[in-house]
Amino acid sequence: MRRAVARHSPTTVNRARHIVNLQTDVDLQPYNTLAVPARAEYYAEVTERGQLPELLQFAREKALPLLVLGGGSNVILKGDFPGLVLHIRLTGKTLVDEDRDYYRLKVAAGENWHALVQYTLEQGYWGLENLSLIPGSVGAAPIQNIGAYGVELKDVFERLEAVDVATGELIEFNKDDCAFGYRDSLFKREGRDRYVIVSVTLRLLRQPHLKVTYPSLREALASVPLEALTPRDVGRAVCAIRQSKLPDPMAIPNVGSFFKNPLVGLDQFMELQMHHPGLVSYPVDARHVKLAAGWLIDRAGWKGVQRGPVAVHSEQALVLTNPGRAPGAKVLALAEEIRHSIAAEYNVDLEAEPRVYP
């Protein structure tokens, strides 16, 4: 059942009316790619960085929880959000520096990620081609340390700027500060909900350095001689692969890959391989192996399974869909069923990629 949004005193309402762009009781269904029904107690679209101090001060004064939204492609809303939703719509791209090896491109947090990748390919700034067609905004990319086909954001990351929620101070974070890990960063752990990312600076190559060792990508490009490959070829191939496996969230609501590929120790991997021939895996280092979560879920019989208004995608078991536009709790219940199943079948723990609110 949908939770009612809190009633507001006349003083609170009057205060809110004086803040630019601040609205109350706003429908969030259009702003999350899973299309779950939820409402925000307060909502503001941030189109200028200068709007943030007053909005954050308002949230502090009212002790409101904060949710920062970009493209809404990595968020699951369990229900109505009893706080302030900041929808980051900051735009702009600036070439801030270049040298013999690199271009340094500063990008506002509200820019669409895939549109940015296309822009860099048009400009001849190389390094993002493997990250084509990943949904979401630029500001969300460091939080997740987005990655695909052998490349992660950290590989091209230079620095970011973020506003401290508690103080309103603008802080710069370098690569080490962000503590990037596999689909992980400071901003998903101890820094969660403490900062609003406003810009990201990327270090992009002047000369191509193609990474095409990922099996499905190598297969897609097999007909093109390695010496003839260009970053644009790689970008097109990545788009084709993703479009063949992942449903368009505008047609079938989803958040892309729902689970991380789990990391296991070498001993556990050898035992799993013995009992499950064909186990898809990727070496990480001398002691760890990454398993393909989609393969595990598929082999456990979940592909295409439907639970009322929610389902596992029929073409890619790693994707949970919400064709019935059901509440987020329904999606999470299906995810929990899958987690228990994989733990029982393989003794492997799956971890969800999207962030759950509230």
Protein backbone atom coordinates (compact mmCIF):
# COMPACT_ATOMS: atom_id res chain seq x y z
CA MET A 1 0.00 0.00 0.00
CA ARG A 2 1.31 3.47 -0.87
CA ARG A 3 2.37 5.46 2.15
CA ALA A 4 0.77 8.87 2.47
CA VAL A 5 3.07 11.85 2.07
CA ALA A 6 3.35 13.87 5.28
CA ARG A 7 1.09 16.87 5.80
CA HIS A 8 2.90 20.20 6.04
CA SER A 9 2.37 23.06 8.43
CA PRO A 10 1.56 26.50 6.95
CA THR A 11 5.06 27.70 7.95
CA THR A 12 6.75 24.84 6.09
CA VAL A 13 4.61 25.34 2.99
CA ASN A 14 5.26 29.09 2.93
CA ARG A 15 9.01 28.49 3.33
CA ALA A 16 8.95 25.99 0.45
CA ARG A 17 7.14 28.43 -1.84
CA HIS A 18 10.04 30.87 -1.60
CA ILE A 19 12.62 28.35 -2.83
CA VAL A 20 13.04 28.26 -6.60
CA ASN A 21 11.85 25.01 -8.20
CA LEU A 22 10.77 23.39 -4.93
CA GLN A 23 7.53 21.41 -5.23
CA THR A 24 5.55 19.20 -2.85
CA ASP A 25 3.90 15.80 -3.35
CA VAL A 26 5.44 15.03 -6.75
CA ASP A 27 4.93 11.83 -8.76
CA LEU A 28 8.30 10.06 -9.24
CA GLN A 29 7.10 7.36 -11.64
CA PRO A 30 8.29 9.29 -14.74
CA TYR A 31 11.72 9.76 -13.17
CA ASN A 32 12.77 6.14 -12.56
CA THR A 33 13.36 3.66 -15.38
CA LEU A 34 11.74 0.83 -13.40
CA ALA A 35 8.53 2.91 -13.51
CA VAL A 36 7.60 2.11 -9.92
CA PRO A 37 4.84 4.31 -8.48
CA ALA A 38 6.11 6.58 -5.70
CA ARG A 39 5.76 10.18 -4.60
CA ALA A 40 8.24 12.67 -3.20
CA GLU A 41 7.37 14.73 -0.15
CA TYR A 42 9.50 17.52 -1.69
CA TYR A 43 11.05 17.66 -5.16
CA ALA A 44 13.33 20.13 -6.94
CA GLU A 45 14.86 20.11 -10.39
CA VAL A 46 18.42 21.48 -10.12
CA THR A 47 19.49 23.26 -13.31
CA GLU A 48 22.14 25.52 -11.72
CA ARG A 49 24.67 24.70 -9.03
CA GLY A 50 23.75 27.90 -7.23
CA GLN A 51 20.34 26.42 -6.39
CA LEU A 52 21.85 23.75 -4.16
CA PRO A 53 22.81 25.72 -1.01
CA GLU A 54 19.28 26.92 -0.29
CA LEU A 55 17.76 23.53 -1.06
CA LEU A 56 20.24 21.73 1.15
CA GLN A 57 19.74 24.24 3.94
CA PHE A 58 15.98 23.64 3.73
CA ALA A 59 16.57 19.89 4.01
CA ARG A 60 18.86 20.36 7.02
CA GLU A 61 16.39 22.66 8.80
CA LYS A 62 13.57 20.14 8.36
CA ALA A 63 15.82 17.09 8.99
CA LEU A 64 14.67 15.66 5.66
CA PRO A 65 16.18 12.53 4.09
CA LEU A 66 17.75 13.30 0.72
CA LEU A 67 17.54 11.43 -2.58
CA VAL A 68 19.66 12.63 -5.49
CA LEU A 69 18.23 11.51 -8.85
CA GLY A 70 19.97 11.56 -12.21
CA GLY A 71 18.55 9.38 -14.96
CA GLY A 72 16.78 7.18 -12.41
CA SER A 73 18.26 4.07 -14.03
CA ASN A 74 19.98 2.69 -10.95
CA VAL A 75 17.34 3.33 -8.27
CA ILE A 76 14.56 1.26 -6.76
CA LEU A 77 11.93 3.16 -4.80
CA LYS A 78 10.30 0.86 -2.24
CA GLY A 79 7.57 3.42 -1.61
CA ASP A 80 6.94 7.14 -1.27
CA PHE A 81 10.03 9.13 -0.36
CA PRO A 82 9.56 11.07 2.90
CA GLY A 83 12.09 13.78 2.20
CA LEU A 84 13.65 15.94 -0.52
CA VAL A 85 14.36 14.58 -4.01
CA LEU A 86 16.94 16.59 -5.93
CA HIS A 87 16.73 15.89 -9.67
CA ILE A 88 20.10 16.90 -11.10
CA ARG A 89 19.72 18.50 -14.54
CA LEU A 90 23.05 20.38 -14.70
CA THR A 91 24.41 20.50 -18.26
CA GLY A 92 27.60 21.49 -20.05
CA LYS A 93 30.88 20.06 -21.38
CA THR A 94 34.24 21.88 -21.27
CA LEU A 95 37.67 20.83 -22.54
CA VAL A 96 39.70 22.10 -19.59
CA ASP A 97 43.15 20.80 -20.55
CA GLU A 98 45.08 18.75 -23.07
CA ASP A 99 48.62 17.49 -23.51
CA ARG A 100 50.44 15.15 -25.86
CA ASP A 101 48.59 12.08 -24.53
CA TYR A 102 45.25 13.18 -23.08
CA TYR A 103 42.21 15.41 -23.30
CA ARG A 104 40.63 16.40 -19.97
CA LEU A 105 36.91 16.94 -20.39
CA LYS A 106 34.81 18.41 -17.57
CA VAL A 107 31.17 17.33 -17.80
CA ALA A 108 28.19 18.52 -15.74
CA ALA A 109 26.48 15.84 -13.67
CA GLY A 110 23.11 16.07 -15.42
CA GLU A 111 24.43 15.21 -18.89
CA ASN A 112 23.17 11.94 -20.34
CA TRP A 113 25.94 9.34 -20.23
CA HIS A 114 25.39 7.72 -23.64
CA ALA A 115 25.04 11.12 -25.32
CA LEU A 116 28.41 12.03 -23.78
CA VAL A 117 30.00 8.85 -25.18
CA GLN A 118 28.67 9.69 -28.64
CA TYR A 119 29.99 13.25 -28.31
CA THR A 120 33.50 12.03 -27.41
CA LEU A 121 33.53 9.66 -30.39
CA GLU A 122 32.54 12.52 -32.69
CA GLN A 123 35.28 14.74 -31.25
CA GLY A 124 38.01 12.08 -31.39
CA TYR A 125 38.39 11.78 -27.62
CA TRP A 126 38.94 8.07 -27.04
CA GLY A 127 38.38 5.74 -24.11
CA LEU A 128 34.60 5.65 -23.51
CA GLU A 129 33.64 3.46 -26.46
CA ASN A 130 33.23 0.28 -24.36
CA LEU A 131 30.83 2.19 -22.09
CA SER A 132 28.37 3.00 -24.87
CA LEU A 133 24.62 2.80 -24.26
CA ILE A 134 24.84 2.58 -20.46
CA PRO A 135 21.72 4.36 -19.20
CA GLY A 136 21.83 7.17 -16.67
CA SER A 137 23.56 10.47 -16.05
CA VAL A 138 27.21 11.48 -15.78
CA GLY A 139 26.87 12.29 -12.09
CA ALA A 140 25.73 8.76 -11.29
CA ALA A 141 28.65 7.13 -13.14
CA PRO A 142 31.26 7.51 -10.34
CA ILE A 143 28.84 6.33 -7.65
CA GLN A 144 28.47 3.00 -9.40
CA ASN A 145 31.92 3.00 -11.03
CA ILE A 146 30.03 1.95 -14.14
CA GLY A 147 31.70 -0.65 -16.29
CA ALA A 148 31.17 -2.83 -19.34
CA TYR A 149 33.16 -5.02 -21.71
CA GLY A 150 36.46 -4.77 -19.86
CA VAL A 151 36.41 -1.03 -19.06
CA GLU A 152 35.37 0.80 -15.89
CA LEU A 153 34.85 4.48 -15.23
CA LYS A 154 37.91 4.55 -12.98
CA ASP A 155 40.06 3.81 -16.06
CA VAL A 156 39.23 7.25 -17.51
CA PHE A 157 38.48 9.18 -14.33
CA GLU A 158 40.45 12.31 -13.36
CA ARG A 159 38.40 14.04 -10.63
CA LEU A 160 34.94 15.19 -9.63
CA GLU A 161 33.31 18.07 -7.80
CA ALA A 162 30.60 17.51 -5.21
CA VAL A 163 28.69 19.63 -2.73
CA ASP A 164 28.82 18.50 0.89
CA VAL A 165 25.21 18.05 2.04
CA ALA A 166 26.03 18.96 5.64
CA THR A 167 27.93 22.17 4.95
CA GLY A 168 27.14 23.25 1.37
CA GLU A 169 30.89 23.32 0.66
CA LEU A 170 32.17 22.42 -2.81
CA ILE A 171 34.75 19.61 -2.53
CA GLU A 172 37.04 18.10 -5.17
CA PHE A 173 37.70 14.35 -5.15
CA ASN A 174 40.57 12.71 -7.01
CA LYS A 175 40.65 9.08 -8.09
CA ASP A 176 42.11 7.80 -4.82
CA ASP A 177 39.57 9.79 -2.79
CA CYS A 178 36.73 8.00 -4.58
CA ALA A 179 37.96 4.55 -3.48
CA PHE A 180 36.62 2.86 -6.60
CA GLY A 181 35.90 -0.87 -6.55
CA TYR A 182 33.88 -3.28 -8.68
CA ARG A 183 30.55 -1.43 -9.16
CA ASP A 184 31.46 0.42 -6.00
CA SER A 185 32.88 3.67 -4.64
CA LEU A 186 33.07 5.87 -1.57
CA PHE A 187 29.69 7.28 -2.59
CA LYS A 188 27.96 3.90 -2.12
CA ARG A 189 29.56 3.29 1.28
CA GLU A 190 30.61 5.83 3.90
CA GLY A 191 29.92 8.72 1.53
CA ARG A 192 26.40 7.59 0.67
CA ASP A 193 23.93 10.50 0.68
CA ARG A 194 26.63 12.85 2.02
CA TYR A 195 27.47 14.53 -1.30
CA VAL A 196 25.78 15.85 -4.42
CA ILE A 197 28.04 15.32 -7.43
CA VAL A 198 27.93 18.33 -9.75
CA SER A 199 30.69 17.62 -12.30
CA VAL A 200 33.06 14.88 -13.45
CA THR A 201 36.36 15.40 -15.28
CA LEU A 202 37.48 12.56 -17.55
CA ARG A 203 40.97 11.88 -18.92
CA LEU A 204 40.51 10.71 -22.51
CA LEU A 205 43.08 9.46 -24.98
CA ARG A 206 44.42 11.30 -28.00
CA GLN A 207 45.43 7.97 -29.57
CA PRO A 208 43.12 4.93 -29.51
CA HIS A 209 43.93 2.08 -27.16
CA LEU A 210 41.25 -0.47 -27.90
CA LYS A 211 40.12 -3.05 -25.37
CA VAL A 212 38.35 -5.87 -27.18
CA THR A 213 39.32 -8.94 -25.15
CA TYR A 214 35.87 -9.37 -23.57
CA PRO A 215 34.50 -12.58 -25.17
CA SER A 216 31.20 -11.30 -26.58
CA LEU A 217 32.84 -8.12 -27.88
CA ARG A 218 35.69 -10.04 -29.49
CA GLU A 219 33.13 -12.29 -31.16
CA ALA A 220 31.09 -9.34 -32.45
CA LEU A 221 34.19 -7.79 -34.01
CA ALA A 222 35.70 -11.02 -35.37
CA SER A 223 35.08 -10.06 -39.00
CA VAL A 224 37.16 -6.87 -38.73
CA PRO A 225 40.98 -7.18 -38.72
CA LEU A 226 42.41 -5.92 -35.43
CA GLU A 227 44.65 -3.40 -37.19
CA ALA A 228 41.63 -1.90 -38.95
CA LEU A 229 39.46 -1.50 -35.85
CA THR A 230 38.53 2.00 -34.67
CA PRO A 231 36.94 3.23 -31.42
CA ARG A 232 33.77 3.97 -33.39
CA ASP A 233 33.66 0.31 -34.52
CA VAL A 234 33.92 -0.77 -30.89
CA GLY A 235 31.21 1.67 -29.82
CA ARG A 236 28.84 0.44 -32.53
CA ALA A 237 29.50 -3.19 -31.59
CA VAL A 238 28.86 -2.52 -27.91
CA CYS A 239 25.57 -0.81 -28.76
CA ALA A 240 24.51 -3.75 -30.93
CA ILE A 241 25.32 -6.28 -28.19
CA ARG A 242 23.50 -4.31 -25.52
CA GLN A 243 20.45 -3.76 -27.72
CA SER A 244 20.28 -7.48 -28.48
CA LYS A 245 20.26 -8.42 -24.78
CA LEU A 246 18.81 -5.54 -22.79
CA PRO A 247 15.26 -4.23 -23.16
CA ASP A 248 14.64 -0.54 -23.75
CA PRO A 249 13.34 0.80 -20.41
CA MET A 250 10.99 3.10 -22.31
CA ALA A 251 9.24 -0.01 -23.63
CA ILE A 252 9.79 -2.45 -20.74
CA PRO A 253 10.65 -0.78 -17.42
CA ASN A 254 13.95 -2.04 -15.96
CA VAL A 255 17.22 -0.89 -14.39
CA GLY A 256 19.52 -2.88 -16.65
CA SER A 257 21.68 -5.53 -15.01
CA PHE A 258 20.09 -6.10 -11.62
CA PHE A 259 22.85 -8.12 -9.95
CA LYS A 260 26.61 -7.69 -9.83
CA ASN A 261 28.78 -10.48 -11.21
CA PRO A 262 29.91 -12.18 -7.98
CA LEU A 263 33.58 -12.59 -7.08
CA VAL A 264 34.64 -15.93 -5.59
CA GLY A 265 37.90 -17.42 -4.42
CA LEU A 266 39.86 -19.72 -6.70
CA ASP A 267 39.11 -22.83 -4.61
CA GLN A 268 35.37 -22.20 -4.72
CA PHE A 269 35.58 -21.54 -8.45
CA MET A 270 37.37 -24.85 -9.09
CA GLU A 271 34.72 -26.73 -7.13
CA LEU A 272 31.87 -24.97 -8.96
CA GLN A 273 33.51 -25.65 -12.32
CA MET A 274 33.76 -29.34 -11.46
CA HIS A 275 30.03 -29.60 -10.76
CA HIS A 276 28.81 -27.12 -13.38
CA PRO A 277 30.56 -27.59 -16.75
CA GLY A 278 30.36 -24.51 -18.94
CA LEU A 279 30.38 -22.12 -15.98
CA VAL A 280 31.04 -18.66 -17.44
CA SER A 281 33.76 -16.79 -15.59
CA TYR A 282 36.38 -14.05 -15.91
CA PRO A 283 39.76 -14.11 -14.12
CA VAL A 284 40.33 -11.17 -11.79
CA ASP A 285 43.69 -11.95 -10.15
CA ALA A 286 45.68 -14.93 -8.90
CA ARG A 287 43.17 -15.64 -6.12
CA HIS A 288 39.77 -14.48 -7.42
CA VAL A 289 37.42 -15.18 -10.30
CA LYS A 290 34.34 -13.24 -11.39
CA LEU A 291 31.30 -15.36 -12.23
CA ALA A 292 28.63 -14.37 -14.75
CA ALA A 293 25.55 -13.74 -12.62
CA GLY A 294 23.32 -13.97 -15.69
CA TRP A 295 24.59 -17.50 -16.42
CA LEU A 296 23.92 -18.63 -12.85
CA ILE A 297 20.39 -17.20 -12.87
CA ASP A 298 19.65 -18.63 -16.32
CA ARG A 299 20.87 -22.14 -15.41
CA ALA A 300 18.84 -22.02 -12.21
CA GLY A 301 15.74 -21.72 -14.40
CA TRP A 302 14.77 -18.11 -13.82
CA LYS A 303 14.90 -16.69 -17.35
CA GLY A 304 11.41 -15.59 -18.42
CA VAL A 305 9.82 -16.34 -15.03
CA GLN A 306 6.95 -13.98 -14.15
CA ARG A 307 5.62 -13.11 -10.72
CA GLY A 308 2.42 -11.20 -11.37
CA PRO A 309 3.34 -7.73 -12.65
CA VAL A 310 7.14 -8.29 -12.48
CA ALA A 311 9.38 -10.69 -14.38
CA VAL A 312 12.83 -11.90 -15.32
CA HIS A 313 13.52 -10.83 -18.91
CA SER A 314 13.06 -13.61 -21.46
CA GLU A 315 16.27 -12.73 -23.33
CA GLN A 316 18.60 -11.86 -20.44
CA ALA A 317 18.27 -13.44 -17.00
CA LEU A 318 20.27 -10.64 -15.39
CA VAL A 319 17.48 -8.14 -16.06
CA LEU A 320 14.37 -7.85 -13.88
CA THR A 321 11.49 -6.01 -15.51
CA ASN A 322 8.37 -4.27 -14.28
CA PRO A 323 5.86 -4.39 -17.17
CA GLY A 324 2.97 -4.00 -14.74
CA ARG A 325 4.41 -0.78 -13.25
CA ALA A 326 4.16 -2.43 -9.83
CA PRO A 327 5.54 -1.00 -6.56
CA GLY A 328 9.23 -1.45 -5.93
CA ALA A 329 8.54 -3.96 -3.15
CA LYS A 330 7.27 -6.42 -5.80
CA VAL A 331 10.52 -6.20 -7.74
CA LEU A 332 12.57 -6.60 -4.58
CA ALA A 333 10.55 -9.67 -3.58
CA LEU A 334 11.38 -11.34 -6.91
CA ALA A 335 15.04 -10.38 -6.50
CA GLU A 336 15.09 -11.97 -3.05
CA GLU A 337 13.63 -15.20 -4.44
CA ILE A 338 16.41 -15.32 -7.01
CA ARG A 339 19.10 -14.60 -4.40
CA HIS A 340 17.92 -17.47 -2.20
CA SER A 341 17.78 -19.78 -5.21
CA ILE A 342 21.35 -19.01 -6.32
CA ALA A 343 22.69 -19.33 -2.77
CA ALA A 344 21.05 -22.75 -2.44
CA GLU A 345 22.15 -23.98 -5.88
CA TYR A 346 25.71 -22.63 -6.07
CA ASN A 347 26.57 -21.34 -2.56
CA VAL A 348 27.11 -17.93 -4.17
CA ASP A 349 25.73 -14.66 -2.82
CA LEU A 350 24.30 -12.21 -5.34
CA GLU A 351 24.36 -8.49 -4.62
CA ALA A 352 21.98 -6.05 -6.27
CA GLU A 353 23.47 -3.22 -8.35
CA PRO A 354 20.69 -0.60 -8.00
CA ARG A 355 20.34 1.46 -4.83
CA VAL A 356 17.18 0.99 -2.80
CA TYR A 357 15.25 3.94 -1.26
CA PRO A 358 13.94 4.83 1.22
